[in-house]
Amino acid sequence: MSTQQAANRHVPVMVERCTELLAEACRRTEAGRVPVIIDATLGMGGHTEALLNAVPRAVVVGLDRDPQALHLAGQRLHRFGSRFRAVRTVYDSIDEVAAELQENEILAGVLFDLGVSSLQLDEAERGFAYSYDAPLDMRMDSAADSEDLTAAELIAEISEPELKRILSEYGEERFSGRIASAIVRERQKAPLRTTAQLAAVIDSAVPAASKRTGGHPAKRSFQAIRIAVNRELEVLTRAVPAAMDAVAVGGAVVVLSYHSLEDRIVKRAFTARTTSSAPAGLPVELEQHKPTFAPLLRGAVPPTAEEITANPRAASAKLRAVEKTKPPARNT
């Protein structure tokens, strides 16, 4: 795939608003140092390209566990030279990446664009989509040295109660019990190795009346299994607080989420740092109880109708952003 093809097939979600928020954070924190933004979910580099164009002094460090994404983004962003640095890692290692910044650099912002990327959805052989028949993989890191289980391996090994929990919790699938039972029955006959096999088993387990609306019956289950394979919610639960710890005073943490489970984790992490921790009824708010972050937006901001028309994948997006207002108080 050429650099131009990568740019054409990937339209970054809410790119202008994300860029504006992070550019403002760069101006607040710069003070003679080089502002650095960590793009924690680099993908094909659309948000990073916009940031590098908008803030000429900024450096962007792009993180991704997918070697193919790093390669394509590297080609796309080659013209920015040393202003772009790529790191192959899972994004809950933000603290380690931030610790490697140079003395003249300051972490001005962190951007998360969560969920599965256009690259992974569009590459049929990656096994993310129920609409293509492909090996049942779903790993964001599908390199030969990856230690992650494939979706096929996960389904082959997991217990029925745990599979039901994953489908119910991660996919909000109301027929999770029926689907889990059907998968276990089928795997006893022969391993499920392809997306078509799995989609057919799920389809057979969902009552006909429920398939008349709501899209493909495998949609929620595929989402749930993908989240489990990549440990997405576990990683996110660690990563957002790590980003908030690492960013400089005046810096911003900006998050695009695409379903309620992601947004709930982000909202919880942001609320914990933007509200007072003082016990109710305390007459004087002590310094250690004061918030260390302030909201940059009023709650979760959806994309505009124009953005959804330009990029239908933006339809479910929610944008949240906070600014670090002061360092946490030290216990003495």
C-alpha atoms as a PDB file:
ATOM      1  CA  MET A   1       0.000   0.000   0.000  1.00  0.00           C
ATOM      2  CA  SER A   2       1.409   3.414  -0.930  1.00  0.00           C
ATOM      3  CA  THR A   3       1.558   6.386   1.410  1.00  0.00           C
ATOM      4  CA  GLN A   4      -1.159   8.112  -0.644  1.00  0.00           C
ATOM      5  CA  GLN A   5      -3.417   5.071  -0.459  1.00  0.00           C
ATOM      6  CA  ALA A   6      -3.006   4.985   3.322  1.00  0.00           C
ATOM      7  CA  ALA A   7      -4.017   8.645   3.566  1.00  0.00           C
ATOM      8  CA  ASN A   8      -6.999   8.165   1.264  1.00  0.00           C
ATOM      9  CA  ARG A   9      -8.453   5.176   3.101  1.00  0.00           C
ATOM     10  CA  HIS A  10      -8.058   6.613   6.604  1.00  0.00           C
ATOM     11  CA  VAL A  11     -10.098   9.676   7.563  1.00  0.00           C
ATOM     12  CA  PRO A  12      -9.200  10.662  11.150  1.00  0.00           C
ATOM     13  CA  VAL A  13     -12.207  11.232  13.412  1.00  0.00           C
ATOM     14  CA  MET A  14     -12.933  14.768  14.698  1.00  0.00           C
ATOM     15  CA  VAL A  15      -9.438  15.747  13.591  1.00  0.00           C
ATOM     16  CA  GLU A  16      -9.909  19.529  13.690  1.00  0.00           C
ATOM     17  CA  ARG A  17     -11.213  19.578  17.272  1.00  0.00           C
ATOM     18  CA  CYS A  18      -8.531  17.172  18.514  1.00  0.00           C
ATOM     19  CA  THR A  19      -5.829  19.208  16.804  1.00  0.00           C
ATOM     20  CA  GLU A  20      -7.164  22.462  18.239  1.00  0.00           C
ATOM     21  CA  LEU A  21      -7.215  21.106  21.803  1.00  0.00           C
ATOM     22  CA  LEU A  22      -3.679  19.735  21.589  1.00  0.00           C
ATOM     23  CA  ALA A  23      -2.275  22.788  19.790  1.00  0.00           C
ATOM     24  CA  GLU A  24      -3.603  24.952  22.632  1.00  0.00           C
ATOM     25  CA  ALA A  25      -1.931  22.620  25.134  1.00  0.00           C
ATOM     26  CA  CYS A  26       1.376  23.007  23.278  1.00  0.00           C
ATOM     27  CA  ARG A  27       1.125  26.792  23.566  1.00  0.00           C
ATOM     28  CA  ARG A  28       0.364  26.567  27.308  1.00  0.00           C
ATOM     29  CA  THR A  29       3.297  24.304  28.124  1.00  0.00           C
ATOM     30  CA  GLU A  30       6.015  25.323  25.671  1.00  0.00           C
ATOM     31  CA  ALA A  31       7.947  27.982  27.692  1.00  0.00           C
ATOM     32  CA  GLY A  32      11.214  27.495  25.790  1.00  0.00           C
ATOM     33  CA  ARG A  33      10.960  23.706  25.625  1.00  0.00           C
ATOM     34  CA  VAL A  34       9.924  21.528  22.705  1.00  0.00           C
ATOM     35  CA  PRO A  35       6.278  20.438  23.123  1.00  0.00           C
ATOM     36  CA  VAL A  36       5.742  16.700  22.654  1.00  0.00           C
ATOM     37  CA  ILE A  37       2.430  14.980  21.958  1.00  0.00           C
ATOM     38  CA  ILE A  38       2.057  11.246  22.388  1.00  0.00           C
ATOM     39  CA  ASP A  39      -0.359   9.803  19.847  1.00  0.00           C
ATOM     40  CA  ALA A  40      -1.124   6.675  21.841  1.00  0.00           C
ATOM     41  CA  THR A  41      -3.028   5.015  18.981  1.00  0.00           C
ATOM     42  CA  LEU A  42      -1.056   5.956  15.883  1.00  0.00           C
ATOM     43  CA  GLY A  43      -2.857   3.806  13.307  1.00  0.00           C
ATOM     44  CA  MET A  44      -2.155   5.158   9.836  1.00  0.00           C
ATOM     45  CA  GLY A  45      -1.063   8.518  11.220  1.00  0.00           C
ATOM     46  CA  GLY A  46      -3.962  10.816  10.296  1.00  0.00           C
ATOM     47  CA  HIS A  47      -4.175  12.658  13.613  1.00  0.00           C
ATOM     48  CA  THR A  48      -0.381  12.828  13.896  1.00  0.00           C
ATOM     49  CA  GLU A  49      -0.060  14.351  10.429  1.00  0.00           C
ATOM     50  CA  ALA A  50      -2.605  17.046  11.324  1.00  0.00           C
ATOM     51  CA  LEU A  51      -0.801  17.816  14.590  1.00  0.00           C
ATOM     52  CA  LEU A  52       2.627  18.082  12.944  1.00  0.00           C
ATOM     53  CA  ASN A  53       1.189  20.444  10.332  1.00  0.00           C
ATOM     54  CA  ALA A  54      -0.652  22.578  12.910  1.00  0.00           C
ATOM     55  CA  VAL A  55       2.157  22.955  15.461  1.00  0.00           C
ATOM     56  CA  PRO A  56       5.451  23.487  13.615  1.00  0.00           C
ATOM     57  CA  ARG A  57       7.629  23.177  16.739  1.00  0.00           C
ATOM     58  CA  ALA A  58       5.952  20.068  18.102  1.00  0.00           C
ATOM     59  CA  VAL A  59       7.272  16.526  18.139  1.00  0.00           C
ATOM     60  CA  VAL A  60       4.795  13.645  17.991  1.00  0.00           C
ATOM     61  CA  VAL A  61       5.645  10.220  19.390  1.00  0.00           C
ATOM     62  CA  GLY A  62       3.337   7.647  17.845  1.00  0.00           C
ATOM     63  CA  LEU A  63       2.594   4.398  19.663  1.00  0.00           C
ATOM     64  CA  ASP A  64       1.123   1.286  18.093  1.00  0.00           C
ATOM     65  CA  ARG A  65       1.364  -2.447  18.708  1.00  0.00           C
ATOM     66  CA  ASP A  66       0.717  -3.185  15.017  1.00  0.00           C
ATOM     67  CA  PRO A  67       3.940  -3.347  12.927  1.00  0.00           C
ATOM     68  CA  GLN A  68       1.982  -2.803   9.696  1.00  0.00           C
ATOM     69  CA  ALA A  69       0.477   0.416  11.058  1.00  0.00           C
ATOM     70  CA  LEU A  70       3.900   1.663  12.177  1.00  0.00           C
ATOM     71  CA  HIS A  71       5.322   0.972   8.713  1.00  0.00           C
ATOM     72  CA  LEU A  72       2.525   2.761   6.862  1.00  0.00           C
ATOM     73  CA  ALA A  73       2.505   5.722   9.248  1.00  0.00           C
ATOM     74  CA  GLY A  74       6.285   5.962   8.989  1.00  0.00           C
ATOM     75  CA  GLN A  75       6.044   6.232   5.209  1.00  0.00           C
ATOM     76  CA  ARG A  76       3.271   8.805   5.429  1.00  0.00           C
ATOM     77  CA  LEU A  77       5.112  10.956   7.992  1.00  0.00           C
ATOM     78  CA  HIS A  78       8.650  10.556   6.662  1.00  0.00           C
ATOM     79  CA  ARG A  79       8.771  14.164   5.450  1.00  0.00           C
ATOM     80  CA  PHE A  80       8.587  15.440   9.050  1.00  0.00           C
ATOM     81  CA  GLY A  81      11.966  13.921   9.845  1.00  0.00           C
ATOM     82  CA  SER A  82      12.923  13.850  13.531  1.00  0.00           C
ATOM     83  CA  ARG A  83       9.673  15.583  14.528  1.00  0.00           C
ATOM     84  CA  PHE A  84       7.989  12.187  14.313  1.00  0.00           C
ATOM     85  CA  ARG A  85       9.107   9.200  16.355  1.00  0.00           C
ATOM     86  CA  ALA A  86       7.429   5.797  16.276  1.00  0.00           C
ATOM     87  CA  VAL A  87       7.407   3.240  19.095  1.00  0.00           C
ATOM     88  CA  ARG A  88       6.058  -0.294  18.863  1.00  0.00           C
ATOM     89  CA  THR A  89       4.295  -0.811  22.162  1.00  0.00           C
ATOM     90  CA  VAL A  90       0.908  -1.160  23.811  1.00  0.00           C
ATOM     91  CA  TYR A  91      -0.303   2.259  24.905  1.00  0.00           C
ATOM     92  CA  ASP A  92      -0.449   1.540  28.636  1.00  0.00           C
ATOM     93  CA  SER A  93       3.342   2.007  28.582  1.00  0.00           C
ATOM     94  CA  ILE A  94       2.919   5.778  28.214  1.00  0.00           C
ATOM     95  CA  ASP A  95       4.836   6.390  31.440  1.00  0.00           C
ATOM     96  CA  GLU A  96       7.870   4.555  30.039  1.00  0.00           C
ATOM     97  CA  VAL A  97       7.696   6.461  26.755  1.00  0.00           C
ATOM     98  CA  ALA A  98       7.354   9.791  28.592  1.00  0.00           C
ATOM     99  CA  ALA A  99      10.387   8.949  30.729  1.00  0.00           C
ATOM    100  CA  GLU A 100      12.478   8.746  27.533  1.00  0.00           C
ATOM    101  CA  LEU A 101      11.776  12.331  26.454  1.00  0.00           C
ATOM    102  CA  GLN A 102      14.823  14.554  26.059  1.00  0.00           C
ATOM    103  CA  GLU A 103      15.745  17.251  28.594  1.00  0.00           C
ATOM    104  CA  ASN A 104      14.597  20.067  26.306  1.00  0.00           C
ATOM    105  CA  GLU A 105      11.200  18.416  25.692  1.00  0.00           C
ATOM    106  CA  ILE A 106       7.957  18.610  27.658  1.00  0.00           C
ATOM    107  CA  LEU A 107       4.900  16.363  27.377  1.00  0.00           C
ATOM    108  CA  ALA A 108       2.164  18.757  26.258  1.00  0.00           C
ATOM    109  CA  GLY A 109      -0.538  16.252  25.430  1.00  0.00           C
ATOM    110  CA  VAL A 110      -1.691  12.700  24.909  1.00  0.00           C
ATOM    111  CA  LEU A 111      -4.251  11.624  22.308  1.00  0.00           C
ATOM    112  CA  PHE A 112      -6.198   8.357  22.361  1.00  0.00           C
ATOM    113  CA  ASP A 113      -8.307   7.317  19.349  1.00  0.00           C
ATOM    114  CA  LEU A 114      -9.707   4.066  20.699  1.00  0.00           C
ATOM    115  CA  GLY A 115     -11.168   0.948  19.135  1.00  0.00           C
ATOM    116  CA  VAL A 116     -10.130  -0.822  15.970  1.00  0.00           C
ATOM    117  CA  SER A 117      -8.456   1.126  13.166  1.00  0.00           C
ATOM    118  CA  SER A 118      -9.488   1.461   9.524  1.00  0.00           C
ATOM    119  CA  LEU A 119      -6.405  -0.545   8.582  1.00  0.00           C
ATOM    120  CA  GLN A 120      -7.427  -3.496  10.715  1.00  0.00           C
ATOM    121  CA  LEU A 121     -11.078  -3.411   9.648  1.00  0.00           C
ATOM    122  CA  ASP A 122     -10.297  -3.137   5.958  1.00  0.00           C
ATOM    123  CA  GLU A 123      -7.647  -5.863   5.791  1.00  0.00           C
ATOM    124  CA  ALA A 124      -9.813  -8.961   5.390  1.00  0.00           C
ATOM    125  CA  GLU A 125      -7.030 -11.350   6.384  1.00  0.00           C
ATOM    126  CA  ARG A 126      -6.772  -9.779   9.834  1.00  0.00           C
ATOM    127  CA  GLY A 127     -10.069 -11.458  10.803  1.00  0.00           C
ATOM    128  CA  PHE A 128     -11.746  -8.479  12.503  1.00  0.00           C
ATOM    129  CA  ALA A 129     -14.854  -8.410  10.320  1.00  0.00           C
ATOM    130  CA  TYR A 130     -17.734 -10.862  10.087  1.00  0.00           C
ATOM    131  CA  SER A 131     -18.394  -9.669   6.522  1.00  0.00           C
ATOM    132  CA  TYR A 132     -15.243 -11.373   5.156  1.00  0.00           C
ATOM    133  CA  ASP A 133     -14.194 -15.008   5.400  1.00  0.00           C
ATOM    134  CA  ALA A 134     -10.707 -14.957   6.860  1.00  0.00           C
ATOM    135  CA  PRO A 135      -8.586 -16.643   9.519  1.00  0.00           C
ATOM    136  CA  LEU A 136     -10.038 -15.955  12.968  1.00  0.00           C
ATOM    137  CA  ASP A 137      -7.241 -13.710  14.238  1.00  0.00           C
ATOM    138  CA  MET A 138      -8.384 -10.272  15.540  1.00  0.00           C
ATOM    139  CA  ARG A 139      -4.999  -9.415  17.091  1.00  0.00           C
ATOM    140  CA  MET A 140      -3.948  -5.797  16.773  1.00  0.00           C
ATOM    141  CA  ASP A 141      -0.384  -7.113  16.922  1.00  0.00           C
ATOM    142  CA  SER A 142      -0.362  -9.955  14.411  1.00  0.00           C
ATOM    143  CA  ALA A 143       3.415 -10.075  13.961  1.00  0.00           C
ATOM    144  CA  ALA A 144       5.211 -13.406  14.142  1.00  0.00           C
ATOM    145  CA  ASP A 145       6.713 -12.501  17.526  1.00  0.00           C
ATOM    146  CA  SER A 146       3.367 -11.525  19.081  1.00  0.00           C
ATOM    147  CA  GLU A 147       2.549 -13.336  22.307  1.00  0.00           C
ATOM    148  CA  ASP A 148      -1.195 -12.598  22.078  1.00  0.00           C
ATOM    149  CA  LEU A 149      -3.688 -15.401  21.532  1.00  0.00           C
ATOM    150  CA  THR A 150      -5.651 -15.283  18.296  1.00  0.00           C
ATOM    151  CA  ALA A 151      -9.437 -15.218  18.468  1.00  0.00           C
ATOM    152  CA  ALA A 152      -9.441 -18.848  17.310  1.00  0.00           C
ATOM    153  CA  GLU A 153      -7.119 -19.826  20.164  1.00  0.00           C
ATOM    154  CA  LEU A 154      -9.146 -17.865  22.706  1.00  0.00           C
ATOM    155  CA  ILE A 155     -12.401 -19.494  21.617  1.00  0.00           C
ATOM    156  CA  ALA A 156     -10.802 -22.945  21.705  1.00  0.00           C
ATOM    157  CA  GLU A 157      -9.526 -22.568  25.282  1.00  0.00           C
ATOM    158  CA  ILE A 158     -12.022 -20.401  27.154  1.00  0.00           C
ATOM    159  CA  SER A 159     -14.659 -21.840  29.487  1.00  0.00           C
ATOM    160  CA  GLU A 160     -18.313 -21.449  28.607  1.00  0.00           C
ATOM    161  CA  PRO A 161     -19.104 -19.218  31.644  1.00  0.00           C
ATOM    162  CA  GLU A 162     -16.164 -16.927  30.836  1.00  0.00           C
ATOM    163  CA  LEU A 163     -17.170 -16.750  27.175  1.00  0.00           C
ATOM    164  CA  LYS A 164     -20.715 -15.848  28.199  1.00  0.00           C
ATOM    165  CA  ARG A 165     -19.340 -13.095  30.469  1.00  0.00           C
ATOM    166  CA  ILE A 166     -17.199 -11.649  27.666  1.00  0.00           C
ATOM    167  CA  LEU A 167     -20.093 -11.605  25.205  1.00  0.00           C
ATOM    168  CA  SER A 168     -22.438 -10.051  27.761  1.00  0.00           C
ATOM    169  CA  GLU A 169     -20.037  -7.519  29.282  1.00  0.00           C
ATOM    170  CA  TYR A 170     -17.930  -6.470  26.295  1.00  0.00           C
ATOM    171  CA  GLY A 171     -20.544  -6.892  23.578  1.00  0.00           C
ATOM    172  CA  GLU A 172     -23.686  -6.131  25.597  1.00  0.00           C
ATOM    173  CA  GLU A 173     -25.137  -9.186  23.849  1.00  0.00           C
ATOM    174  CA  ARG A 174     -28.460 -10.261  25.354  1.00  0.00           C
ATOM    175  CA  PHE A 175     -28.178 -13.760  23.860  1.00  0.00           C
ATOM    176  CA  SER A 176     -24.699 -14.307  25.315  1.00  0.00           C
ATOM    177  CA  GLY A 177     -25.673 -17.578  27.009  1.00  0.00           C
ATOM    178  CA  ARG A 178     -27.144 -19.099  23.841  1.00  0.00           C
ATOM    179  CA  ILE A 179     -24.184 -17.973  21.739  1.00  0.00           C
ATOM    180  CA  ALA A 180     -21.587 -19.253  24.227  1.00  0.00           C
ATOM    181  CA  SER A 181     -23.322 -22.643  24.377  1.00  0.00           C
ATOM    182  CA  ALA A 182     -23.468 -22.855  20.592  1.00  0.00           C
ATOM    183  CA  ILE A 183     -19.760 -22.031  20.245  1.00  0.00           C
ATOM    184  CA  VAL A 184     -18.797 -24.662  22.820  1.00  0.00           C
ATOM    185  CA  ARG A 185     -20.945 -27.297  21.075  1.00  0.00           C
ATOM    186  CA  GLU A 186     -19.411 -26.548  17.694  1.00  0.00           C
ATOM    187  CA  ARG A 187     -15.805 -26.488  18.907  1.00  0.00           C
ATOM    188  CA  GLN A 188     -16.299 -29.981  20.349  1.00  0.00           C
ATOM    189  CA  LYS A 189     -17.019 -31.176  16.801  1.00  0.00           C
ATOM    190  CA  ALA A 190     -14.195 -29.256  15.113  1.00  0.00           C
ATOM    191  CA  PRO A 191     -12.101 -26.135  15.825  1.00  0.00           C
ATOM    192  CA  LEU A 192     -13.548 -22.798  14.699  1.00  0.00           C
ATOM    193  CA  ARG A 193     -10.808 -21.319  12.528  1.00  0.00           C
ATOM    194  CA  THR A 194     -12.457 -18.712  10.299  1.00  0.00           C
ATOM    195  CA  THR A 195     -14.643 -15.648  10.663  1.00  0.00           C
ATOM    196  CA  ALA A 196     -17.325 -17.235   8.488  1.00  0.00           C
ATOM    197  CA  GLN A 197     -17.510 -20.303  10.734  1.00  0.00           C
ATOM    198  CA  LEU A 198     -17.870 -18.168  13.857  1.00  0.00           C
ATOM    199  CA  ALA A 199     -20.415 -15.828  12.281  1.00  0.00           C
ATOM    200  CA  ALA A 200     -22.522 -18.814  11.178  1.00  0.00           C
ATOM    201  CA  VAL A 201     -22.514 -20.316  14.687  1.00  0.00           C
ATOM    202  CA  ILE A 202     -23.570 -16.985  16.195  1.00  0.00           C
ATOM    203  CA  ASP A 203     -26.278 -16.524  13.579  1.00  0.00           C
ATOM    204  CA  SER A 204     -27.678 -19.993  14.350  1.00  0.00           C
ATOM    205  CA  ALA A 205     -27.884 -19.180  18.068  1.00  0.00           C
ATOM    206  CA  VAL A 206     -29.801 -15.898  17.753  1.00  0.00           C
ATOM    207  CA  PRO A 207     -33.613 -16.186  17.491  1.00  0.00           C
ATOM    208  CA  ALA A 208     -34.994 -15.344  14.058  1.00  0.00           C
ATOM    209  CA  ALA A 209     -37.292 -12.626  15.415  1.00  0.00           C
ATOM    210  CA  SER A 210     -34.301 -10.755  16.862  1.00  0.00           C
ATOM    211  CA  LYS A 211     -32.451 -10.737  13.541  1.00  0.00           C
ATOM    212  CA  ARG A 212     -34.984  -8.529  11.787  1.00  0.00           C
ATOM    213  CA  THR A 213     -33.455  -5.339  13.209  1.00  0.00           C
ATOM    214  CA  GLY A 214     -30.118  -4.216  14.639  1.00  0.00           C
ATOM    215  CA  GLY A 215     -27.750  -5.279  11.872  1.00  0.00           C
ATOM    216  CA  HIS A 216     -25.771  -8.487  11.600  1.00  0.00           C
ATOM    217  CA  PRO A 217     -26.328 -10.830  14.583  1.00  0.00           C
ATOM    218  CA  ALA A 218     -22.552 -11.374  14.926  1.00  0.00           C
ATOM    219  CA  LYS A 219     -21.704  -7.676  15.286  1.00  0.00           C
ATOM    220  CA  ARG A 220     -21.743  -7.476  19.094  1.00  0.00           C
ATOM    221  CA  SER A 221     -20.068 -10.837  19.606  1.00  0.00           C
ATOM    222  CA  PHE A 222     -17.212 -10.011  17.226  1.00  0.00           C
ATOM    223  CA  GLN A 223     -16.686  -6.735  19.100  1.00  0.00           C
ATOM    224  CA  ALA A 224     -16.607  -8.551  22.425  1.00  0.00           C
ATOM    225  CA  ILE A 225     -14.140 -11.201  21.272  1.00  0.00           C
ATOM    226  CA  ARG A 226     -11.879  -8.550  19.718  1.00  0.00           C
ATOM    227  CA  ILE A 227     -11.846  -6.595  22.987  1.00  0.00           C
ATOM    228  CA  ALA A 228     -10.954  -9.758  24.913  1.00  0.00           C
ATOM    229  CA  VAL A 229      -8.218 -10.826  22.472  1.00  0.00           C
ATOM    230  CA  ASN A 230      -6.486  -7.441  22.715  1.00  0.00           C
ATOM    231  CA  ARG A 231      -7.290  -6.816  26.400  1.00  0.00           C
ATOM    232  CA  GLU A 232      -8.506  -3.392  25.308  1.00  0.00           C
ATOM    233  CA  LEU A 233     -10.410  -2.384  28.446  1.00  0.00           C
ATOM    234  CA  GLU A 234      -7.676  -3.588  30.800  1.00  0.00           C
ATOM    235  CA  VAL A 235      -5.098  -1.591  28.830  1.00  0.00           C
ATOM    236  CA  LEU A 236      -7.309   1.504  28.737  1.00  0.00           C
ATOM    237  CA  THR A 237      -7.966   1.355  32.496  1.00  0.00           C
ATOM    238  CA  ARG A 238      -4.206   1.582  33.087  1.00  0.00           C
ATOM    239  CA  ALA A 239      -3.372   3.942  30.244  1.00  0.00           C
ATOM    240  CA  VAL A 240      -5.617   6.943  30.948  1.00  0.00           C
ATOM    241  CA  PRO A 241      -4.361   7.515  34.526  1.00  0.00           C
ATOM    242  CA  ALA A 242      -0.797   6.957  33.291  1.00  0.00           C
ATOM    243  CA  ALA A 243      -1.267   9.669  30.671  1.00  0.00           C
ATOM    244  CA  MET A 244      -2.715  12.036  33.254  1.00  0.00           C
ATOM    245  CA  ASP A 245       0.251  11.422  35.539  1.00  0.00           C
ATOM    246  CA  ALA A 246       2.791  11.949  32.752  1.00  0.00           C
ATOM    247  CA  VAL A 247       1.452  15.106  31.091  1.00  0.00           C
ATOM    248  CA  ALA A 248       2.863  18.484  32.175  1.00  0.00           C
ATOM    249  CA  VAL A 249       0.879  21.185  33.947  1.00  0.00           C
ATOM    250  CA  GLY A 250      -1.078  22.971  31.224  1.00  0.00           C
ATOM    251  CA  GLY A 251      -1.041  19.829  29.105  1.00  0.00           C
ATOM    252  CA  ALA A 252      -4.093  17.994  27.813  1.00  0.00           C
ATOM    253  CA  VAL A 253      -5.345  14.432  27.619  1.00  0.00           C
ATOM    254  CA  VAL A 254      -7.769  13.999  24.712  1.00  0.00           C
ATOM    255  CA  VAL A 255      -9.766  10.791  24.173  1.00  0.00           C
ATOM    256  CA  LEU A 256     -12.006   9.591  21.357  1.00  0.00           C
ATOM    257  CA  SER A 257     -14.075   6.561  22.378  1.00  0.00           C
ATOM    258  CA  TYR A 258     -16.570   4.569  20.350  1.00  0.00           C
ATOM    259  CA  HIS A 259     -18.688   2.542  22.741  1.00  0.00           C
ATOM    260  CA  SER A 260     -20.075   2.883  26.224  1.00  0.00           C
ATOM    261  CA  LEU A 261     -17.530   0.627  27.936  1.00  0.00           C
ATOM    262  CA  GLU A 262     -14.601   2.712  26.717  1.00  0.00           C
ATOM    263  CA  ASP A 263     -16.339   5.989  27.493  1.00  0.00           C
ATOM    264  CA  ARG A 264     -17.235   4.816  31.002  1.00  0.00           C
ATOM    265  CA  ILE A 265     -13.581   4.092  31.804  1.00  0.00           C
ATOM    266  CA  VAL A 266     -12.469   7.468  30.448  1.00  0.00           C
ATOM    267  CA  LYS A 267     -15.236   9.361  32.255  1.00  0.00           C
ATOM    268  CA  ARG A 268     -14.389   7.651  35.548  1.00  0.00           C
ATOM    269  CA  ALA A 269     -10.676   8.494  35.244  1.00  0.00           C
ATOM    270  CA  PHE A 270     -11.367  12.115  34.296  1.00  0.00           C
ATOM    271  CA  THR A 271     -13.982  12.606  37.030  1.00  0.00           C
ATOM    272  CA  ALA A 272     -11.586  11.314  39.688  1.00  0.00           C
ATOM    273  CA  ARG A 273      -9.105  14.090  38.871  1.00  0.00           C
ATOM    274  CA  THR A 274     -11.490  16.957  38.067  1.00  0.00           C
ATOM    275  CA  THR A 275     -13.520  16.840  41.289  1.00  0.00           C
ATOM    276  CA  SER A 276     -12.551  17.461  44.893  1.00  0.00           C
ATOM    277  CA  SER A 277     -11.729  14.400  46.970  1.00  0.00           C
ATOM    278  CA  ALA A 278     -12.533  16.203  50.217  1.00  0.00           C
ATOM    279  CA  PRO A 279     -14.935  14.333  52.535  1.00  0.00           C
ATOM    280  CA  ALA A 280     -18.433  15.761  52.637  1.00  0.00           C
ATOM    281  CA  GLY A 281     -18.869  18.431  55.296  1.00  0.00           C
ATOM    282  CA  LEU A 282     -15.171  19.322  55.577  1.00  0.00           C
ATOM    283  CA  PRO A 283     -15.157  23.065  56.377  1.00  0.00           C
ATOM    284  CA  VAL A 284     -11.881  23.787  54.543  1.00  0.00           C
ATOM    285  CA  GLU A 285     -10.711  22.002  51.396  1.00  0.00           C
ATOM    286  CA  LEU A 286      -7.124  20.918  51.974  1.00  0.00           C
ATOM    287  CA  GLU A 287      -4.613  21.233  49.177  1.00  0.00           C
ATOM    288  CA  GLN A 288      -4.329  17.471  48.688  1.00  0.00           C
ATOM    289  CA  HIS A 289      -8.081  17.252  48.057  1.00  0.00           C
ATOM    290  CA  LYS A 290      -8.218  19.876  45.304  1.00  0.00           C
ATOM    291  CA  PRO A 291      -8.706  18.751  41.686  1.00  0.00           C
ATOM    292  CA  THR A 292      -5.559  18.503  39.578  1.00  0.00           C
ATOM    293  CA  PHE A 293      -7.376  18.628  36.221  1.00  0.00           C
ATOM    294  CA  ALA A 294     -10.109  20.755  34.659  1.00  0.00           C
ATOM    295  CA  PRO A 295     -12.494  19.752  31.855  1.00  0.00           C
ATOM    296  CA  LEU A 296     -11.775  21.306  28.462  1.00  0.00           C
ATOM    297  CA  LEU A 297     -15.168  20.255  27.089  1.00  0.00           C
ATOM    298  CA  ARG A 298     -18.650  20.022  28.535  1.00  0.00           C
ATOM    299  CA  GLY A 299     -19.001  16.281  28.971  1.00  0.00           C
ATOM    300  CA  ALA A 300     -18.694  13.996  25.948  1.00  0.00           C
ATOM    301  CA  VAL A 301     -18.872  15.848  22.625  1.00  0.00           C
ATOM    302  CA  PRO A 302     -20.270  13.981  19.582  1.00  0.00           C
ATOM    303  CA  PRO A 303     -19.168  14.581  15.986  1.00  0.00           C
ATOM    304  CA  THR A 304     -21.116  17.028  13.844  1.00  0.00           C
ATOM    305  CA  ALA A 305     -23.467  15.866  11.128  1.00  0.00           C
ATOM    306  CA  GLU A 306     -20.923  17.065   8.571  1.00  0.00           C
ATOM    307  CA  GLU A 307     -18.189  14.948  10.168  1.00  0.00           C
ATOM    308  CA  ILE A 308     -20.398  11.859  10.125  1.00  0.00           C
ATOM    309  CA  THR A 309     -21.255  12.426   6.464  1.00  0.00           C
ATOM    310  CA  ALA A 310     -17.555  12.721   5.606  1.00  0.00           C
ATOM    311  CA  ASN A 311     -16.623   9.716   7.753  1.00  0.00           C
ATOM    312  CA  PRO A 312     -19.447   7.343   8.746  1.00  0.00           C
ATOM    313  CA  ARG A 313     -17.143   5.552  11.205  1.00  0.00           C
ATOM    314  CA  ALA A 314     -17.266   8.700  13.334  1.00  0.00           C
ATOM    315  CA  ALA A 315     -20.960   8.239  14.091  1.00  0.00           C
ATOM    316  CA  SER A 316     -20.493   6.596  17.493  1.00  0.00           C
ATOM    317  CA  ALA A 317     -17.516   8.723  18.585  1.00  0.00           C
ATOM    318  CA  LYS A 318     -17.439  10.663  21.853  1.00  0.00           C
ATOM    319  CA  LEU A 319     -14.720  13.208  22.555  1.00  0.00           C
ATOM    320  CA  ARG A 320     -13.566  14.055  26.090  1.00  0.00           C
ATOM    321  CA  ALA A 321     -10.632  16.261  27.083  1.00  0.00           C
ATOM    322  CA  VAL A 322      -9.059  17.581  30.278  1.00  0.00           C
ATOM    323  CA  GLU A 323      -6.244  19.986  31.155  1.00  0.00           C
ATOM    324  CA  LYS A 324      -3.746  19.439  33.965  1.00  0.00           C
ATOM    325  CA  THR A 325      -4.050  22.470  36.235  1.00  0.00           C
ATOM    326  CA  LYS A 326      -1.529  21.594  38.935  1.00  0.00           C
ATOM    327  CA  PRO A 327       0.658  18.705  40.040  1.00  0.00           C
ATOM    328  CA  PRO A 328      -0.782  16.368  42.679  1.00  0.00           C
ATOM    329  CA  ALA A 329      -0.005  17.365  46.256  1.00  0.00           C
ATOM    330  CA  ARG A 330       2.786  15.378  47.870  1.00  0.00           C
ATOM    331  CA  ASN A 331       2.135  13.576  51.099  1.00  0.00           C
ATOM    332  CA  THR A 332       4.433  14.847  53.825  1.00  0.00           C
END
